[in-house]
Amino acid sequence: MTNTISSLPMSFRQADESDLSELVRLRDAAAHWQIERGIDQWKPGELGRSHFRTRLHDGEVWIATLGPEGPTAGAWELWWDDLPAWGEQPPVAGYVHRLMVDRVTAPSGAGLIMLAEAERRIFVAGRAICRLDCLANNTRLRRYYEDAGYTVVGEQPSKNGDGGKSYGVTLLEKHLGAE
């Protein structure tokens, strides 16, 4: 599947083991970008190759490139359940995690295009809802998702995340296919 932003085509492919270093690089670069802007969400070095290797085996990790062979524009994880944030749920949703944009190569709006591709994949898989979460105190990211059509549906005050940390998150969802 290819989408277009400012006449630059974005292509999507499922990540594999050869992408582990690139995924870590994207995550760390996104963490540095957040810190530089006073956003307290991700920390550089928090997630390494083992995290992404586990995600490759337990779910889906997607890479966005500029054109089929072009440089990496970003990546995201697509999960089919999310017990730490959402608890037991019927199989009606897909869960987007770690939406990461390469601030050097990605054109403006790339994050929304990747989010739309994740939503499309969820819908094609027969699920009608895209869910995600962000830190409860990250009002900027919450607003970004709300502007993309997501609705706040709750709070999880003590999500158990990577590395055994516990933190509060805002839960958001978007119903797909009703547009």
Protein backbone atom coordinates (compact mmCIF):
# COMPACT_ATOMS: atom_id res chain seq x y z
CA MET A 1 0.00 0.00 0.00
CA THR A 2 1.31 3.45 -0.88
CA ASN A 3 -0.02 6.82 0.32
CA THR A 4 1.15 10.26 -0.76
CA ILE A 5 2.22 13.27 1.29
CA SER A 6 3.36 16.34 -0.62
CA SER A 7 4.03 14.15 -3.68
CA LEU A 8 6.38 11.86 -1.73
CA PRO A 9 5.04 8.30 -1.67
CA MET A 10 5.11 6.47 1.62
CA SER A 11 5.33 2.70 1.51
CA PHE A 12 4.69 0.29 4.37
CA ARG A 13 6.17 -3.09 5.12
CA GLN A 14 6.21 -5.42 8.08
CA ALA A 15 9.49 -5.21 9.97
CA ASP A 16 11.74 -8.21 10.47
CA GLU A 17 14.89 -9.06 12.45
CA SER A 18 17.05 -7.03 10.05
CA ASP A 19 15.19 -3.88 11.19
CA LEU A 20 15.96 -4.14 14.91
CA SER A 21 18.76 -1.55 14.92
CA GLU A 22 16.66 0.87 12.86
CA LEU A 23 13.72 0.50 15.26
CA VAL A 24 15.95 1.22 18.26
CA ARG A 25 17.41 4.24 16.42
CA LEU A 26 13.92 5.59 15.67
CA ARG A 27 12.77 5.10 19.26
CA ASP A 28 15.84 6.80 20.73
CA ALA A 29 15.61 9.70 18.25
CA ALA A 30 11.93 10.17 19.12
CA ALA A 31 12.81 10.13 22.83
CA HIS A 32 15.47 12.82 22.31
CA TRP A 33 13.00 14.92 20.31
CA GLN A 34 10.43 14.68 23.12
CA ILE A 35 12.95 15.63 25.80
CA GLU A 36 14.12 18.65 23.79
CA ARG A 37 10.53 19.89 23.76
CA GLY A 38 9.83 19.27 27.43
CA ILE A 39 7.66 16.21 26.78
CA ASP A 40 8.12 13.66 29.56
CA GLN A 41 7.20 10.40 27.85
CA TRP A 42 10.07 8.31 26.42
CA LYS A 43 13.70 8.05 27.52
CA PRO A 44 16.63 7.24 25.22
CA GLY A 45 17.96 3.73 25.74
CA GLU A 46 14.73 2.54 27.38
CA LEU A 47 13.88 -0.01 24.70
CA GLY A 48 16.48 -2.04 22.88
CA ARG A 49 16.67 -4.78 20.29
CA SER A 50 15.16 -7.36 22.68
CA HIS A 51 11.98 -5.28 23.06
CA PHE A 52 11.46 -5.02 19.31
CA ARG A 53 12.41 -8.66 18.75
CA THR A 54 9.66 -9.64 21.22
CA ARG A 55 7.17 -7.35 19.46
CA LEU A 56 8.06 -8.92 16.09
CA HIS A 57 7.17 -12.33 17.51
CA ASP A 58 4.14 -11.30 19.60
CA GLY A 59 2.47 -8.87 17.20
CA GLU A 60 3.25 -6.70 14.24
CA VAL A 61 5.81 -3.95 13.76
CA TRP A 62 5.52 -1.77 10.67
CA ILE A 63 8.10 0.37 8.90
CA ALA A 64 7.17 3.37 6.74
CA THR A 65 9.61 4.37 4.01
CA LEU A 66 9.72 7.13 1.44
CA GLY A 67 9.01 5.04 -1.62
CA PRO A 68 9.47 1.26 -1.64
CA GLU A 69 13.27 1.44 -1.28
CA GLY A 70 13.61 4.89 0.27
CA PRO A 71 14.80 5.98 3.68
CA THR A 72 12.81 5.16 6.80
CA ALA A 73 10.13 7.73 7.62
CA GLY A 74 8.87 6.04 10.78
CA ALA A 75 7.41 2.93 12.39
CA TRP A 76 4.74 1.69 14.76
CA GLU A 77 3.66 -1.42 16.63
CA LEU A 78 0.27 -3.01 16.04
CA TRP A 79 -1.04 -5.27 18.79
CA TRP A 80 -4.18 -7.39 18.81
CA ASP A 81 -4.71 -7.06 22.55
CA ASP A 82 -3.36 -4.78 25.28
CA LEU A 83 -3.93 -6.22 28.72
CA PRO A 84 -1.72 -3.72 30.63
CA ALA A 85 -3.74 -0.70 29.50
CA TRP A 86 -7.14 -2.05 28.47
CA GLY A 87 -7.54 -5.32 30.41
CA GLU A 88 -9.51 -8.22 28.96
CA GLN A 89 -11.48 -7.06 25.93
CA PRO A 90 -13.47 -8.80 23.20
CA PRO A 91 -11.51 -9.05 19.92
CA VAL A 92 -12.99 -5.91 18.33
CA ALA A 93 -9.93 -3.63 18.28
CA GLY A 94 -6.33 -3.25 17.24
CA TYR A 95 -3.91 -1.30 19.45
CA VAL A 96 -1.31 1.13 18.12
CA HIS A 97 1.87 1.60 20.13
CA ARG A 98 5.13 3.47 19.65
CA LEU A 99 4.15 5.58 16.66
CA MET A 100 7.60 6.95 15.76
CA VAL A 101 8.43 9.52 13.08
CA ASP A 102 11.94 10.13 11.76
CA ARG A 103 12.15 13.92 12.16
CA VAL A 104 14.95 14.12 9.57
CA THR A 105 13.42 12.22 6.64
CA ALA A 106 9.67 12.16 7.24
CA PRO A 107 7.61 14.89 5.59
CA SER A 108 5.14 16.92 7.60
CA GLY A 109 2.03 14.87 8.35
CA ALA A 110 3.81 11.49 8.21
CA GLY A 111 2.56 10.49 11.67
CA LEU A 112 -1.07 10.88 10.60
CA ILE A 113 -0.45 8.89 7.41
CA MET A 114 1.13 6.06 9.43
CA LEU A 115 -1.77 6.17 11.89
CA ALA A 116 -4.23 5.97 8.99
CA GLU A 117 -2.37 2.94 7.62
CA ALA A 118 -2.54 1.25 11.04
CA GLU A 119 -6.29 1.99 11.15
CA ARG A 120 -6.70 0.52 7.66
CA ARG A 121 -4.86 -2.66 8.67
CA ILE A 122 -7.05 -3.03 11.76
CA PHE A 123 -10.22 -2.56 9.70
CA VAL A 124 -9.08 -5.04 7.01
CA ALA A 125 -8.42 -7.55 9.81
CA GLY A 126 -12.13 -7.35 10.66
CA ARG A 127 -11.89 -5.14 13.74
CA ALA A 128 -13.88 -1.94 14.02
CA ILE A 129 -11.91 0.04 16.62
CA CYS A 130 -8.39 1.44 16.82
CA ARG A 131 -7.20 2.00 20.37
CA LEU A 132 -4.13 3.67 21.82
CA ASP A 133 -2.95 5.33 24.97
CA CYS A 134 -0.62 8.11 26.03
CA LEU A 135 0.73 9.27 29.36
CA ALA A 136 -2.06 10.92 31.31
CA ASN A 137 -0.01 14.12 31.69
CA ASN A 138 0.93 14.38 27.99
CA THR A 139 -1.74 16.86 26.92
CA ARG A 140 0.05 17.64 23.65
CA LEU A 141 -0.07 14.02 22.45
CA ARG A 142 -3.63 13.62 23.70
CA ARG A 143 -4.65 16.66 21.62
CA TYR A 144 -2.81 15.23 18.58
CA TYR A 145 -4.85 12.02 18.79
CA GLU A 146 -8.11 13.87 19.45
CA ASP A 147 -7.45 16.03 16.36
CA ALA A 148 -6.99 12.74 14.43
CA GLY A 149 -10.52 11.66 15.41
CA TYR A 150 -9.85 9.75 18.64
CA THR A 151 -12.08 10.05 21.69
CA VAL A 152 -10.94 9.76 25.29
CA VAL A 153 -12.77 6.79 26.81
CA GLY A 154 -11.03 6.47 30.15
CA GLU A 155 -7.95 6.56 32.30
CA GLN A 156 -5.78 3.71 33.50
CA PRO A 157 -4.11 5.09 36.65
CA SER A 158 -1.45 2.38 36.96
CA LYS A 159 -0.54 0.72 33.68
CA ASN A 160 2.30 -1.76 34.12
CA GLY A 161 4.65 -1.01 31.26
CA ASP A 162 8.05 -1.92 29.95
CA GLY A 163 10.71 -2.46 32.57
CA GLY A 164 8.18 -2.97 35.35
CA LYS A 165 7.27 0.73 35.55
CA SER A 166 3.77 1.75 36.53
CA TYR A 167 2.25 4.99 35.21
CA GLY A 168 -1.08 6.59 34.41
CA VAL A 169 -2.36 6.67 30.83
CA THR A 170 -5.26 8.20 28.96
CA LEU A 171 -7.16 5.64 26.86
CA LEU A 172 -8.37 6.76 23.43
CA GLU A 173 -10.21 5.00 20.64
CA LYS A 174 -11.56 5.63 17.16
CA HIS A 175 -14.37 3.71 15.48
CA LEU A 176 -13.34 2.71 11.97
CA GLY A 177 -15.31 2.41 8.76
CA ALA A 178 -18.15 4.72 9.79
CA GLU A 179 -16.88 7.64 7.67
